[in-house]
């Protein structure tokens, strides 16, 4: 006997609306599912990385309703009606051209293995949306929840500061 859905959950991810039947039946999303698994496993948005699965490394950071959140610590059930942006949502949807911030990471080699990079970029994006001209100290503080085992925090900060400088000149 198939269980009935408890609820239909809706959210907008990267500008596209999605609906999920919540329940314990086949094809339904369990109430215990975290956002990182919904994004990666149901929507195939694998730019969202699953690192520690405990909210400590920041690799799974996405922007939810304008704020950075660690998606491994957020139940998808708590995202009903939310607007979520992942790293895939920053590039131009029509052309695939990287956003200015993403391009700054490429230009400044703001990555090494790249695993933590999407979370760092999303954290920086949330900061820049709130404060378009943060100081280097403010950038470093914002990134304090993102962990990079390769040690690219220095080049990531350089990439963000480069983007800020280009933005001031209208180049970004």
N, C-alpha and C. Protein backbone atom coordinates (compact mmCIF):
# COMPACT_ATOMS: atom_id res chain seq x y z
N UNK A 1 0.85 -1.19 0.00
CA UNK A 1 0.00 0.00 0.00
C UNK A 1 0.89 1.25 0.00
N UNK A 2 0.67 2.13 -0.95
CA UNK A 2 1.44 3.36 -1.04
C UNK A 2 0.96 4.37 -0.02
N UNK A 3 1.93 4.97 0.68
CA UNK A 3 1.55 5.99 1.64
C UNK A 3 1.16 7.27 0.89
N UNK A 4 0.35 8.05 1.50
CA UNK A 4 -0.05 9.32 0.90
C UNK A 4 0.94 10.41 1.27
N UNK A 5 1.17 11.31 0.36
CA UNK A 5 2.07 12.42 0.61
C UNK A 5 1.53 13.25 1.76
N UNK A 6 2.44 13.63 2.63
CA UNK A 6 2.06 14.51 3.73
C UNK A 6 1.84 15.93 3.24
N UNK A 7 2.63 16.30 2.25
CA UNK A 7 2.65 17.69 1.85
C UNK A 7 3.36 17.83 0.51
N UNK A 8 3.09 18.91 -0.17
CA UNK A 8 3.86 19.27 -1.35
C UNK A 8 4.72 20.47 -0.98
N UNK A 9 6.01 20.31 -1.16
CA UNK A 9 6.96 21.37 -0.84
C UNK A 9 7.37 22.05 -2.14
N UNK A 10 7.40 23.36 -2.13
CA UNK A 10 7.83 24.10 -3.32
C UNK A 10 9.00 25.00 -2.96
N UNK A 11 9.90 25.13 -3.90
CA UNK A 11 11.00 26.08 -3.74
C UNK A 11 11.52 26.46 -5.11
N UNK A 12 12.19 27.59 -5.16
CA UNK A 12 12.78 28.07 -6.40
C UNK A 12 14.29 27.90 -6.27
N UNK A 13 14.87 27.16 -7.21
CA UNK A 13 16.31 26.93 -7.20
C UNK A 13 16.88 27.45 -8.51
N UNK A 14 17.80 28.39 -8.40
CA UNK A 14 18.44 29.00 -9.58
C UNK A 14 17.40 29.51 -10.58
N UNK A 15 16.34 30.11 -10.03
CA UNK A 15 15.31 30.73 -10.86
C UNK A 15 14.25 29.78 -11.39
N UNK A 16 14.36 28.50 -11.08
CA UNK A 16 13.39 27.51 -11.56
C UNK A 16 12.59 26.95 -10.38
N UNK A 17 11.28 26.86 -10.57
CA UNK A 17 10.40 26.36 -9.51
C UNK A 17 10.36 24.83 -9.51
N UNK A 18 10.40 24.26 -8.29
CA UNK A 18 10.34 22.81 -8.12
C UNK A 18 9.29 22.47 -7.06
N UNK A 19 8.65 21.33 -7.24
CA UNK A 19 7.70 20.80 -6.27
C UNK A 19 8.12 19.38 -5.90
N UNK A 20 8.02 19.06 -4.63
CA UNK A 20 8.36 17.73 -4.15
C UNK A 20 7.22 17.20 -3.29
N UNK A 21 6.83 15.96 -3.53
CA UNK A 21 5.88 15.30 -2.65
C UNK A 21 6.66 14.79 -1.44
N UNK A 22 6.21 15.18 -0.27
CA UNK A 22 6.89 14.80 0.96
C UNK A 22 6.15 13.62 1.58
N UNK A 23 6.89 12.61 1.94
CA UNK A 23 6.31 11.43 2.56
C UNK A 23 7.30 10.29 2.57
N UNK A 24 6.82 9.12 2.86
CA UNK A 24 7.69 7.95 2.97
C UNK A 24 7.50 6.97 1.82
N UNK A 25 6.65 7.30 0.87
CA UNK A 25 6.38 6.41 -0.26
C UNK A 25 7.46 6.51 -1.33
N UNK A 26 7.38 5.62 -2.28
CA UNK A 26 8.33 5.59 -3.38
C UNK A 26 8.28 6.90 -4.15
N UNK A 27 9.44 7.49 -4.40
CA UNK A 27 9.54 8.74 -5.13
C UNK A 27 9.25 9.98 -4.30
N UNK A 28 8.82 9.78 -3.06
CA UNK A 28 8.55 10.93 -2.20
C UNK A 28 9.81 11.32 -1.43
N UNK A 29 9.86 12.56 -1.03
CA UNK A 29 10.99 13.07 -0.27
C UNK A 29 10.71 12.91 1.23
N UNK A 30 11.58 12.18 1.94
CA UNK A 30 11.36 12.05 3.38
C UNK A 30 11.56 13.38 4.11
N UNK A 31 10.86 13.56 5.19
CA UNK A 31 10.99 14.79 5.98
C UNK A 31 12.39 15.00 6.50
N UNK A 32 13.16 13.95 6.64
CA UNK A 32 14.51 14.03 7.21
C UNK A 32 15.58 14.38 6.17
N UNK A 33 15.20 14.56 4.91
CA UNK A 33 16.20 14.83 3.87
C UNK A 33 16.76 16.24 4.02
N UNK A 34 18.08 16.34 3.91
CA UNK A 34 18.71 17.65 3.98
C UNK A 34 18.79 18.28 2.60
N UNK A 35 18.93 19.59 2.59
CA UNK A 35 18.95 20.36 1.35
C UNK A 35 20.10 19.92 0.44
N UNK A 36 21.26 19.63 0.99
CA UNK A 36 22.38 19.21 0.16
C UNK A 36 22.03 17.97 -0.65
N UNK A 37 21.32 17.03 -0.05
CA UNK A 37 20.94 15.81 -0.77
C UNK A 37 19.84 16.09 -1.80
N UNK A 38 18.93 16.98 -1.49
CA UNK A 38 17.90 17.35 -2.46
C UNK A 38 18.55 18.00 -3.68
N UNK A 39 19.47 18.93 -3.43
CA UNK A 39 20.12 19.63 -4.54
C UNK A 39 20.98 18.69 -5.37
N UNK A 40 21.78 17.87 -4.72
CA UNK A 40 22.70 16.98 -5.43
C UNK A 40 21.98 15.78 -6.05
N UNK A 41 21.15 15.10 -5.25
CA UNK A 41 20.58 13.82 -5.69
C UNK A 41 19.29 13.96 -6.49
N UNK A 42 18.48 14.94 -6.18
CA UNK A 42 17.20 15.10 -6.89
C UNK A 42 17.31 16.08 -8.06
N UNK A 43 18.13 17.12 -7.90
CA UNK A 43 18.21 18.15 -8.94
C UNK A 43 19.53 18.10 -9.72
N UNK A 44 20.41 17.19 -9.34
CA UNK A 44 21.70 16.99 -10.02
C UNK A 44 22.56 18.26 -10.04
N UNK A 45 22.48 19.05 -8.99
CA UNK A 45 23.30 20.26 -8.86
C UNK A 45 24.53 19.89 -8.04
N UNK A 46 25.48 19.25 -8.72
CA UNK A 46 26.63 18.67 -8.02
C UNK A 46 27.73 19.69 -7.72
N UNK A 47 27.53 20.93 -8.09
CA UNK A 47 28.44 21.98 -7.65
C UNK A 47 28.36 22.19 -6.15
N UNK A 48 27.24 21.82 -5.57
CA UNK A 48 27.06 21.85 -4.11
C UNK A 48 27.80 20.62 -3.58
N UNK A 49 28.87 20.85 -2.84
CA UNK A 49 29.72 19.75 -2.38
C UNK A 49 29.31 19.29 -0.99
N UNK A 50 29.38 17.99 -0.77
CA UNK A 50 29.14 17.42 0.55
C UNK A 50 30.48 17.09 1.16
N UNK A 51 30.88 17.90 2.12
CA UNK A 51 32.18 17.71 2.77
C UNK A 51 32.02 16.98 4.09
N UNK A 52 31.91 17.74 5.16
CA UNK A 52 31.89 17.15 6.51
C UNK A 52 30.51 16.62 6.89
N UNK A 53 29.46 17.10 6.26
CA UNK A 53 28.08 16.74 6.60
C UNK A 53 27.72 17.11 8.03
N UNK A 54 28.42 18.12 8.56
CA UNK A 54 28.18 18.58 9.93
C UNK A 54 28.16 20.10 10.04
N UNK A 55 28.15 20.80 8.91
CA UNK A 55 28.07 22.25 8.92
C UNK A 55 29.35 22.97 9.28
N UNK A 56 30.48 22.26 9.31
CA UNK A 56 31.72 22.87 9.76
C UNK A 56 32.66 23.32 8.65
N UNK A 57 32.52 22.76 7.44
CA UNK A 57 33.52 23.06 6.40
C UNK A 57 33.07 24.11 5.39
N UNK A 58 31.78 24.30 5.20
CA UNK A 58 31.26 25.31 4.28
C UNK A 58 31.22 24.90 2.82
N UNK A 59 31.65 23.68 2.49
CA UNK A 59 31.68 23.25 1.09
C UNK A 59 30.29 23.22 0.47
N UNK A 60 29.26 23.03 1.28
CA UNK A 60 27.89 22.89 0.77
C UNK A 60 27.11 24.21 0.83
N UNK A 61 27.80 25.32 1.02
CA UNK A 61 27.13 26.61 1.17
C UNK A 61 26.36 27.01 -0.09
N UNK A 62 25.12 27.40 0.12
CA UNK A 62 24.26 27.96 -0.92
C UNK A 62 23.66 29.24 -0.36
N UNK A 63 23.03 30.01 -1.21
CA UNK A 63 22.35 31.22 -0.75
C UNK A 63 20.86 30.92 -0.70
N UNK A 64 20.28 31.10 0.47
CA UNK A 64 18.85 30.87 0.66
C UNK A 64 18.22 32.17 1.14
N UNK A 65 17.31 32.69 0.33
CA UNK A 65 16.63 33.95 0.64
C UNK A 65 17.63 35.05 1.00
N UNK A 66 18.73 35.08 0.23
CA UNK A 66 19.72 36.14 0.39
C UNK A 66 20.80 35.89 1.42
N UNK A 67 20.75 34.78 2.12
CA UNK A 67 21.74 34.51 3.17
C UNK A 67 22.47 33.21 2.90
N UNK A 68 23.78 33.17 3.22
CA UNK A 68 24.50 31.91 3.03
C UNK A 68 24.09 30.90 4.09
N UNK A 69 23.85 29.66 3.66
CA UNK A 69 23.51 28.59 4.60
C UNK A 69 24.29 27.33 4.22
N UNK A 70 24.65 26.55 5.22
CA UNK A 70 25.26 25.26 4.96
C UNK A 70 24.12 24.29 4.71
N UNK A 71 24.04 23.83 3.47
CA UNK A 71 22.89 23.02 3.06
C UNK A 71 22.85 21.64 3.70
N UNK A 72 23.97 21.19 4.27
CA UNK A 72 23.97 19.89 4.95
C UNK A 72 23.26 19.97 6.30
N UNK A 73 23.08 21.17 6.80
CA UNK A 73 22.45 21.36 8.11
C UNK A 73 21.01 21.86 8.01
N UNK A 74 20.54 22.03 6.80
CA UNK A 74 19.20 22.57 6.57
C UNK A 74 18.29 21.46 6.04
N UNK A 75 17.22 21.16 6.77
CA UNK A 75 16.24 20.21 6.25
C UNK A 75 15.52 20.84 5.07
N UNK A 76 15.32 20.07 4.03
CA UNK A 76 14.61 20.59 2.87
C UNK A 76 13.20 21.03 3.27
N UNK A 77 12.63 20.34 4.23
CA UNK A 77 11.29 20.71 4.73
C UNK A 77 11.24 22.17 5.21
N UNK A 78 12.38 22.66 5.69
CA UNK A 78 12.44 24.04 6.17
C UNK A 78 12.66 25.04 5.04
N UNK A 79 12.68 24.55 3.82
CA UNK A 79 12.94 25.41 2.66
C UNK A 79 11.68 25.66 1.84
N UNK A 80 10.53 25.27 2.35
CA UNK A 80 9.28 25.47 1.62
C UNK A 80 9.10 26.96 1.32
N UNK A 81 8.94 27.30 0.06
CA UNK A 81 8.76 28.68 -0.36
C UNK A 81 10.06 29.47 -0.50
N UNK A 82 11.19 28.82 -0.27
CA UNK A 82 12.47 29.51 -0.29
C UNK A 82 12.98 29.72 -1.71
N UNK A 83 13.84 30.72 -1.85
CA UNK A 83 14.57 30.95 -3.09
C UNK A 83 16.02 30.61 -2.81
N UNK A 84 16.55 29.66 -3.58
CA UNK A 84 17.89 29.14 -3.34
C UNK A 84 18.74 29.33 -4.59
N UNK A 85 19.98 29.76 -4.37
CA UNK A 85 20.94 29.89 -5.46
C UNK A 85 22.14 29.02 -5.15
N UNK A 86 22.54 28.22 -6.12
CA UNK A 86 23.74 27.40 -6.01
C UNK A 86 24.80 27.98 -6.94
N UNK A 87 25.99 27.42 -6.90
CA UNK A 87 27.06 27.89 -7.78
C UNK A 87 26.64 27.84 -9.24
N UNK A 88 25.83 26.85 -9.61
CA UNK A 88 25.36 26.73 -10.99
C UNK A 88 24.47 27.91 -11.39
N UNK A 89 23.85 28.55 -10.42
CA UNK A 89 22.95 29.66 -10.68
C UNK A 89 23.63 31.00 -10.87
N UNK A 90 24.96 31.05 -10.71
CA UNK A 90 25.65 32.33 -10.86
C UNK A 90 26.02 32.64 -12.31
N UNK A 91 26.29 31.61 -13.08
CA UNK A 91 26.64 31.82 -14.49
C UNK A 91 25.40 32.26 -15.27
N UNK A 92 25.63 32.92 -16.39
CA UNK A 92 24.54 33.35 -17.27
C UNK A 92 23.85 32.10 -17.83
N UNK A 93 22.56 31.95 -17.57
CA UNK A 93 21.83 30.75 -17.98
C UNK A 93 21.79 30.57 -19.50
N UNK A 94 21.74 31.66 -20.24
CA UNK A 94 21.63 31.57 -21.70
C UNK A 94 22.97 31.27 -22.37
N UNK A 95 24.02 31.92 -21.89
CA UNK A 95 25.32 31.79 -22.56
C UNK A 95 26.29 30.86 -21.84
N UNK A 96 26.06 30.63 -20.55
CA UNK A 96 27.00 29.83 -19.77
C UNK A 96 28.20 30.63 -19.29
N UNK A 97 28.24 31.91 -19.63
CA UNK A 97 29.36 32.76 -19.22
C UNK A 97 29.38 32.88 -17.70
N UNK A 98 30.57 32.72 -17.14
CA UNK A 98 30.73 32.81 -15.69
C UNK A 98 30.41 34.22 -15.21
N UNK A 99 29.94 34.30 -13.97
CA UNK A 99 29.73 35.61 -13.35
C UNK A 99 31.11 36.26 -13.14
N UNK A 100 31.11 37.54 -12.90
CA UNK A 100 32.38 38.25 -12.65
C UNK A 100 33.14 37.67 -11.48
N UNK A 101 32.42 37.30 -10.43
CA UNK A 101 33.07 36.72 -9.25
C UNK A 101 33.68 35.36 -9.59
N UNK A 102 32.95 34.52 -10.31
CA UNK A 102 33.49 33.23 -10.71
C UNK A 102 34.72 33.43 -11.60
N UNK A 103 34.65 34.36 -12.53
CA UNK A 103 35.77 34.61 -13.43
C UNK A 103 36.99 35.11 -12.66
N UNK A 104 36.77 35.89 -11.62
CA UNK A 104 37.90 36.37 -10.80
C UNK A 104 38.63 35.19 -10.16
N UNK A 105 37.90 34.17 -9.76
CA UNK A 105 38.55 32.98 -9.19
C UNK A 105 39.40 32.27 -10.25
N UNK A 106 38.92 32.23 -11.47
CA UNK A 106 39.70 31.63 -12.56
C UNK A 106 40.94 32.49 -12.83
N UNK A 107 40.75 33.79 -12.98
CA UNK A 107 41.84 34.70 -13.32
C UNK A 107 42.93 34.74 -12.24
N UNK A 108 42.54 34.62 -10.99
CA UNK A 108 43.48 34.72 -9.86
C UNK A 108 43.88 33.36 -9.31
N UNK A 109 43.49 32.30 -9.99
CA UNK A 109 43.77 30.93 -9.49
C UNK A 109 43.34 30.81 -8.03
N UNK A 110 42.10 31.22 -7.77
CA UNK A 110 41.56 31.23 -6.42
C UNK A 110 41.07 29.87 -5.97
N UNK A 111 41.70 28.83 -6.41
CA UNK A 111 41.30 27.47 -6.10
C UNK A 111 42.54 26.58 -6.24
N UNK A 112 42.49 25.39 -5.72
CA UNK A 112 43.53 24.41 -5.99
C UNK A 112 42.85 23.14 -6.46
N UNK A 113 42.36 22.32 -5.54
CA UNK A 113 41.62 21.13 -6.00
C UNK A 113 40.22 21.52 -6.44
N UNK A 114 39.70 22.63 -5.93
CA UNK A 114 38.40 23.14 -6.33
C UNK A 114 37.22 22.65 -5.53
N UNK A 115 37.43 21.70 -4.62
CA UNK A 115 36.31 21.12 -3.89
C UNK A 115 35.59 22.16 -3.04
N UNK A 116 36.33 23.00 -2.35
CA UNK A 116 35.72 23.99 -1.46
C UNK A 116 35.28 25.26 -2.20
N UNK A 117 35.76 25.42 -3.43
CA UNK A 117 35.56 26.67 -4.16
C UNK A 117 34.10 27.09 -4.31
N UNK A 118 33.17 26.19 -4.66
CA UNK A 118 31.78 26.65 -4.78
C UNK A 118 31.23 27.25 -3.47
N UNK A 119 31.54 26.62 -2.35
CA UNK A 119 31.08 27.15 -1.06
C UNK A 119 31.69 28.50 -0.74
N UNK A 120 32.97 28.66 -1.06
CA UNK A 120 33.65 29.93 -0.83
C UNK A 120 33.04 31.01 -1.72
N UNK A 121 32.82 30.70 -2.98
CA UNK A 121 32.23 31.68 -3.90
C UNK A 121 30.82 32.07 -3.45
N UNK A 122 30.03 31.11 -3.02
CA UNK A 122 28.67 31.43 -2.58
C UNK A 122 28.68 32.28 -1.31
N UNK A 123 29.61 32.01 -0.40
CA UNK A 123 29.74 32.83 0.80
C UNK A 123 30.14 34.25 0.42
N UNK A 124 31.10 34.37 -0.51
CA UNK A 124 31.53 35.68 -0.97
C UNK A 124 30.40 36.42 -1.68
N UNK A 125 29.64 35.70 -2.50
CA UNK A 125 28.50 36.31 -3.21
C UNK A 125 27.49 36.89 -2.23
N UNK A 126 27.18 36.12 -1.19
CA UNK A 126 26.23 36.61 -0.17
C UNK A 126 26.77 37.86 0.51
N UNK A 127 28.06 37.88 0.82
CA UNK A 127 28.68 39.06 1.43
C UNK A 127 28.60 40.24 0.49
N UNK A 128 28.97 40.03 -0.77
CA UNK A 128 29.00 41.13 -1.74
C UNK A 128 27.61 41.66 -2.07
N UNK A 129 26.60 40.80 -2.00
CA UNK A 129 25.23 41.27 -2.19
C UNK A 129 24.82 42.20 -1.06
N UNK A 130 25.33 41.94 0.11
CA UNK A 130 25.01 42.74 1.31
C UNK A 130 25.90 43.98 1.40
N UNK A 131 27.17 43.80 1.04
CA UNK A 131 28.17 44.86 1.14
C UNK A 131 29.07 44.79 -0.09
N UNK A 132 28.81 45.59 -1.12
CA UNK A 132 29.56 45.49 -2.37
C UNK A 132 31.04 45.88 -2.28
N UNK A 133 31.43 46.53 -1.19
CA UNK A 133 32.82 46.97 -1.06
C UNK A 133 33.37 46.63 0.33
N UNK A 134 33.40 45.35 0.70
CA UNK A 134 33.94 45.00 2.01
C UNK A 134 35.46 45.15 2.05
N UNK A 135 35.98 45.32 3.24
CA UNK A 135 37.43 45.35 3.42
C UNK A 135 37.96 43.92 3.37
N UNK A 136 39.25 43.78 3.24
CA UNK A 136 39.85 42.45 3.24
C UNK A 136 39.55 41.73 4.55
N UNK A 137 39.57 42.47 5.65
CA UNK A 137 39.25 41.87 6.95
C UNK A 137 37.82 41.34 6.97
N UNK A 138 36.89 42.08 6.38
CA UNK A 138 35.49 41.63 6.32
C UNK A 138 35.35 40.39 5.43
N UNK A 139 36.10 40.34 4.35
CA UNK A 139 36.09 39.16 3.48
C UNK A 139 36.60 37.96 4.26
N UNK A 140 37.72 38.13 4.93
CA UNK A 140 38.30 37.02 5.71
C UNK A 140 37.33 36.55 6.80
N UNK A 141 36.67 37.48 7.44
CA UNK A 141 35.69 37.12 8.48
C UNK A 141 34.52 36.34 7.87
N UNK A 142 34.04 36.80 6.73
CA UNK A 142 32.92 36.10 6.07
C UNK A 142 33.31 34.68 5.70
N UNK A 143 34.57 34.47 5.29
CA UNK A 143 35.04 33.15 4.87
C UNK A 143 35.48 32.27 6.04
N UNK A 144 35.35 32.76 7.25
CA UNK A 144 35.84 32.00 8.40
C UNK A 144 35.12 30.66 8.59
N UNK A 145 33.95 30.51 8.01
CA UNK A 145 33.22 29.24 8.11
C UNK A 145 33.50 28.29 6.96
N UNK A 146 34.38 28.69 6.05
CA UNK A 146 34.75 27.85 4.91
C UNK A 146 36.15 27.30 5.14
N UNK A 147 36.28 25.99 5.01
CA UNK A 147 37.55 25.33 5.25
C UNK A 147 38.12 24.79 3.94
N UNK A 148 39.40 25.07 3.71
CA UNK A 148 40.09 24.57 2.53
C UNK A 148 41.30 23.77 2.99
N UNK A 149 41.32 22.51 2.67
CA UNK A 149 42.45 21.66 3.06
C UNK A 149 43.69 21.94 2.23
N UNK A 150 43.51 22.49 1.04
CA UNK A 150 44.65 22.76 0.15
C UNK A 150 45.36 24.06 0.51
N UNK A 151 44.72 24.90 1.29
CA UNK A 151 45.34 26.17 1.68
C UNK A 151 45.14 27.29 0.69
N UNK A 152 44.06 27.28 -0.07
CA UNK A 152 43.84 28.33 -1.06
C UNK A 152 43.11 29.55 -0.51
N UNK A 153 42.94 29.63 0.79
CA UNK A 153 42.26 30.80 1.32
C UNK A 153 42.92 32.10 0.88
N UNK A 154 44.25 32.08 0.76
CA UNK A 154 44.96 33.30 0.38
C UNK A 154 44.60 33.72 -1.04
N UNK A 155 44.60 32.78 -1.96
CA UNK A 155 44.27 33.13 -3.34
C UNK A 155 42.77 33.38 -3.51
N UNK A 156 41.95 32.75 -2.70
CA UNK A 156 40.51 33.03 -2.74
C UNK A 156 40.26 34.47 -2.31
N UNK A 157 40.91 34.90 -1.26
CA UNK A 157 40.76 36.29 -0.80
C UNK A 157 41.27 37.23 -1.88
N UNK A 158 42.41 36.90 -2.50
CA UNK A 158 42.94 37.73 -3.58
C UNK A 158 41.93 37.84 -4.72
N UNK A 159 41.29 36.72 -5.08
CA UNK A 159 40.30 36.72 -6.16
C UNK A 159 39.12 37.62 -5.81
N UNK A 160 38.64 37.52 -4.59
CA UNK A 160 37.50 38.35 -4.16
C UNK A 160 37.87 39.83 -4.16
N UNK A 161 39.05 40.14 -3.63
CA UNK A 161 39.49 41.54 -3.60
C UNK A 161 39.70 42.08 -5.01
N UNK A 162 40.20 41.23 -5.91
CA UNK A 162 40.36 41.63 -7.32
C UNK A 162 39.01 41.94 -7.94
N UNK A 163 38.02 41.10 -7.65
CA UNK A 163 36.67 41.33 -8.16
C UNK A 163 36.11 42.65 -7.62
N UNK A 164 36.34 42.92 -6.35
CA UNK A 164 35.85 44.16 -5.74
C UNK A 164 36.48 45.37 -6.44
N UNK A 165 37.78 45.29 -6.67
CA UNK A 165 38.47 46.39 -7.34
C UNK A 165 37.93 46.61 -8.76
N UNK A 166 37.72 45.52 -9.49
CA UNK A 166 37.17 45.64 -10.84
C UNK A 166 35.74 46.20 -10.80
N UNK A 167 34.99 45.82 -9.78
CA UNK A 167 33.61 46.32 -9.62
C UNK A 167 33.59 47.82 -9.41
N UNK A 168 34.56 48.31 -8.65
CA UNK A 168 34.64 49.76 -8.41
C UNK A 168 34.89 50.51 -9.71
N UNK A 169 35.63 49.87 -10.61
CA UNK A 169 35.94 50.51 -11.89
C UNK A 169 34.90 50.21 -12.96
N UNK A 170 33.86 49.46 -12.59
CA UNK A 170 32.79 49.14 -13.54
C UNK A 170 33.14 48.02 -14.49
N UNK A 171 34.22 47.26 -14.19
CA UNK A 171 34.65 46.19 -15.10
C UNK A 171 33.99 44.85 -14.80
N UNK A 172 33.45 44.67 -13.62
CA UNK A 172 32.93 43.34 -13.23
C UNK A 172 31.59 43.02 -13.85
